[in-house]
Amino acid sequence: MADEDQPDLEDRTEMKGVLDVTVEITAVLGTSLMPISQILKLGRGAVVELDRYIGDDIELIANNIPVAKGEVTVLEDRLGVTMTEILKTAETVTK
């Protein structure tokens, strides 16, 4: 019995052309607005206050298009993102 999460062999063959496409993924943890003079004064270890709080959803952007929302997770000694919501096509196009 085939695993329902895995596409069957025929689907994989049809998708072969898109499997090698590179997509730039950006996870937006938050934003901050500051003058360049203040940015130039930042040094190693500086803390920049963002407009989001711990527990707030972050945005996931693929090739400059918002595609999902998620939350930051810790995996051993690395950060990761768990997707909590996939945005509908209409939401991604209008933003």
C-alpha atoms as a PDB file:
ATOM      1  CA  MET A   1       0.000   0.000   0.000  1.00  0.00           C
ATOM      2  CA  ALA A   2       1.451   3.377  -1.002  1.00  0.00           C
ATOM      3  CA  ASP A   3       1.979   6.096   1.581  1.00  0.00           C
ATOM      4  CA  GLU A   4      -0.629   8.830   0.941  1.00  0.00           C
ATOM      5  CA  ASP A   5       1.877  11.611   1.787  1.00  0.00           C
ATOM      6  CA  GLN A   6       4.276  10.468  -0.927  1.00  0.00           C
ATOM      7  CA  PRO A   7       3.382  11.100  -4.577  1.00  0.00           C
ATOM      8  CA  ASP A   8       3.312   7.950  -6.687  1.00  0.00           C
ATOM      9  CA  LEU A   9       5.932   7.305  -9.376  1.00  0.00           C
ATOM     10  CA  GLU A  10       3.792   8.863 -12.120  1.00  0.00           C
ATOM     11  CA  ASP A  11       3.341  12.116 -10.131  1.00  0.00           C
ATOM     12  CA  ARG A  12       7.096  12.298  -9.455  1.00  0.00           C
ATOM     13  CA  THR A  13       7.837  11.977 -13.178  1.00  0.00           C
ATOM     14  CA  GLU A  14       5.422  14.800 -13.981  1.00  0.00           C
ATOM     15  CA  MET A  15       6.975  16.994 -11.270  1.00  0.00           C
ATOM     16  CA  LYS A  16      10.571  16.288 -12.298  1.00  0.00           C
ATOM     17  CA  GLY A  17      10.884  19.680 -14.032  1.00  0.00           C
ATOM     18  CA  VAL A  18      10.026  21.660 -10.900  1.00  0.00           C
ATOM     19  CA  LEU A  19      12.052  19.655  -8.388  1.00  0.00           C
ATOM     20  CA  ASP A  20      15.279  21.453  -9.390  1.00  0.00           C
ATOM     21  CA  VAL A  21      13.780  24.969  -9.262  1.00  0.00           C
ATOM     22  CA  THR A  22      15.498  27.160  -6.668  1.00  0.00           C
ATOM     23  CA  VAL A  23      13.222  29.215  -4.420  1.00  0.00           C
ATOM     24  CA  GLU A  24      14.517  31.855  -2.001  1.00  0.00           C
ATOM     25  CA  ILE A  25      12.740  31.514   1.353  1.00  0.00           C
ATOM     26  CA  THR A  26      12.793  34.399   3.845  1.00  0.00           C
ATOM     27  CA  ALA A  27      11.510  34.163   7.416  1.00  0.00           C
ATOM     28  CA  VAL A  28      10.593  37.632   8.666  1.00  0.00           C
ATOM     29  CA  LEU A  29      11.016  37.686  12.434  1.00  0.00           C
ATOM     30  CA  GLY A  30      10.039  41.353  12.630  1.00  0.00           C
ATOM     31  CA  THR A  31      10.904  44.787  11.339  1.00  0.00           C
ATOM     32  CA  SER A  32      12.363  47.966  12.759  1.00  0.00           C
ATOM     33  CA  LEU A  33      12.630  51.483  11.395  1.00  0.00           C
ATOM     34  CA  MET A  34      15.768  53.464  12.226  1.00  0.00           C
ATOM     35  CA  PRO A  35      17.894  56.146  10.613  1.00  0.00           C
ATOM     36  CA  ILE A  36      21.080  55.154   8.793  1.00  0.00           C
ATOM     37  CA  SER A  37      23.156  57.091  11.332  1.00  0.00           C
ATOM     38  CA  GLN A  38      21.850  54.789  14.067  1.00  0.00           C
ATOM     39  CA  ILE A  39      22.488  51.682  11.942  1.00  0.00           C
ATOM     40  CA  LEU A  40      26.095  52.763  11.376  1.00  0.00           C
ATOM     41  CA  LYS A  41      26.599  52.982  15.153  1.00  0.00           C
ATOM     42  CA  LEU A  42      25.533  49.371  15.681  1.00  0.00           C
ATOM     43  CA  GLY A  43      28.337  47.103  16.747  1.00  0.00           C
ATOM     44  CA  ARG A  44      28.810  43.439  17.395  1.00  0.00           C
ATOM     45  CA  GLY A  45      26.287  42.220  19.961  1.00  0.00           C
ATOM     46  CA  ALA A  46      23.943  45.168  19.441  1.00  0.00           C
ATOM     47  CA  VAL A  47      20.271  44.447  20.022  1.00  0.00           C
ATOM     48  CA  VAL A  48      17.669  45.805  17.600  1.00  0.00           C
ATOM     49  CA  GLU A  49      14.114  45.960  18.943  1.00  0.00           C
ATOM     50  CA  LEU A  50      11.587  44.483  16.506  1.00  0.00           C
ATOM     51  CA  ASP A  51       7.870  45.141  16.137  1.00  0.00           C
ATOM     52  CA  ARG A  52       6.854  41.617  17.193  1.00  0.00           C
ATOM     53  CA  TYR A  53       6.719  39.737  20.457  1.00  0.00           C
ATOM     54  CA  ILE A  54       7.684  36.214  21.489  1.00  0.00           C
ATOM     55  CA  GLY A  55       4.937  33.880  20.351  1.00  0.00           C
ATOM     56  CA  ASP A  56       3.747  36.094  17.480  1.00  0.00           C
ATOM     57  CA  ASP A  57       3.484  34.479  14.066  1.00  0.00           C
ATOM     58  CA  ILE A  58       6.279  35.221  11.617  1.00  0.00           C
ATOM     59  CA  GLU A  59       5.918  35.583   7.863  1.00  0.00           C
ATOM     60  CA  LEU A  60       7.406  33.139   5.378  1.00  0.00           C
ATOM     61  CA  ILE A  61       8.139  34.665   1.994  1.00  0.00           C
ATOM     62  CA  ALA A  62       9.048  32.740  -1.164  1.00  0.00           C
ATOM     63  CA  ASN A  63      10.624  34.804  -3.952  1.00  0.00           C
ATOM     64  CA  ASN A  64       9.224  38.032  -2.426  1.00  0.00           C
ATOM     65  CA  ILE A  65       5.677  36.635  -2.130  1.00  0.00           C
ATOM     66  CA  PRO A  66       4.152  35.905   1.315  1.00  0.00           C
ATOM     67  CA  VAL A  67       3.178  32.225   1.281  1.00  0.00           C
ATOM     68  CA  ALA A  68       2.770  31.161   4.909  1.00  0.00           C
ATOM     69  CA  LYS A  69       2.820  32.066   8.576  1.00  0.00           C
ATOM     70  CA  GLY A  70       4.760  30.155  11.173  1.00  0.00           C
ATOM     71  CA  GLU A  71       6.420  30.111  14.549  1.00  0.00           C
ATOM     72  CA  VAL A  72      10.075  29.917  15.481  1.00  0.00           C
ATOM     73  CA  THR A  73      11.199  26.609  16.966  1.00  0.00           C
ATOM     74  CA  VAL A  74      14.512  25.378  18.340  1.00  0.00           C
ATOM     75  CA  LEU A  75      15.954  22.145  16.932  1.00  0.00           C
ATOM     76  CA  GLU A  76      18.937  21.096  19.024  1.00  0.00           C
ATOM     77  CA  ASP A  77      21.314  24.058  18.499  1.00  0.00           C
ATOM     78  CA  ARG A  78      19.554  25.498  15.428  1.00  0.00           C
ATOM     79  CA  LEU A  79      16.513  27.657  14.775  1.00  0.00           C
ATOM     80  CA  GLY A  80      13.701  26.408  12.603  1.00  0.00           C
ATOM     81  CA  VAL A  81      10.217  27.459  11.560  1.00  0.00           C
ATOM     82  CA  THR A  82       7.046  25.446  11.956  1.00  0.00           C
ATOM     83  CA  MET A  83       4.439  26.480   9.393  1.00  0.00           C
ATOM     84  CA  THR A  84       1.122  27.171  11.100  1.00  0.00           C
ATOM     85  CA  GLU A  85      -0.866  28.560   8.169  1.00  0.00           C
ATOM     86  CA  ILE A  86      -0.519  28.383   4.404  1.00  0.00           C
ATOM     87  CA  LEU A  87      -1.815  31.594   2.823  1.00  0.00           C
ATOM     88  CA  LYS A  88      -4.387  31.310   0.074  1.00  0.00           C
ATOM     89  CA  THR A  89      -3.382  32.432  -3.415  1.00  0.00           C
ATOM     90  CA  ALA A  90      -5.612  35.524  -3.264  1.00  0.00           C
ATOM     91  CA  GLU A  91      -3.924  36.631   0.006  1.00  0.00           C
ATOM     92  CA  THR A  92      -0.447  36.229  -1.444  1.00  0.00           C
ATOM     93  CA  VAL A  93      -1.228  38.149  -4.644  1.00  0.00           C
ATOM     94  CA  THR A  94      -2.886  41.135  -2.947  1.00  0.00           C
ATOM     95  CA  LYS A  95      -0.118  41.724  -0.384  1.00  0.00           C
END
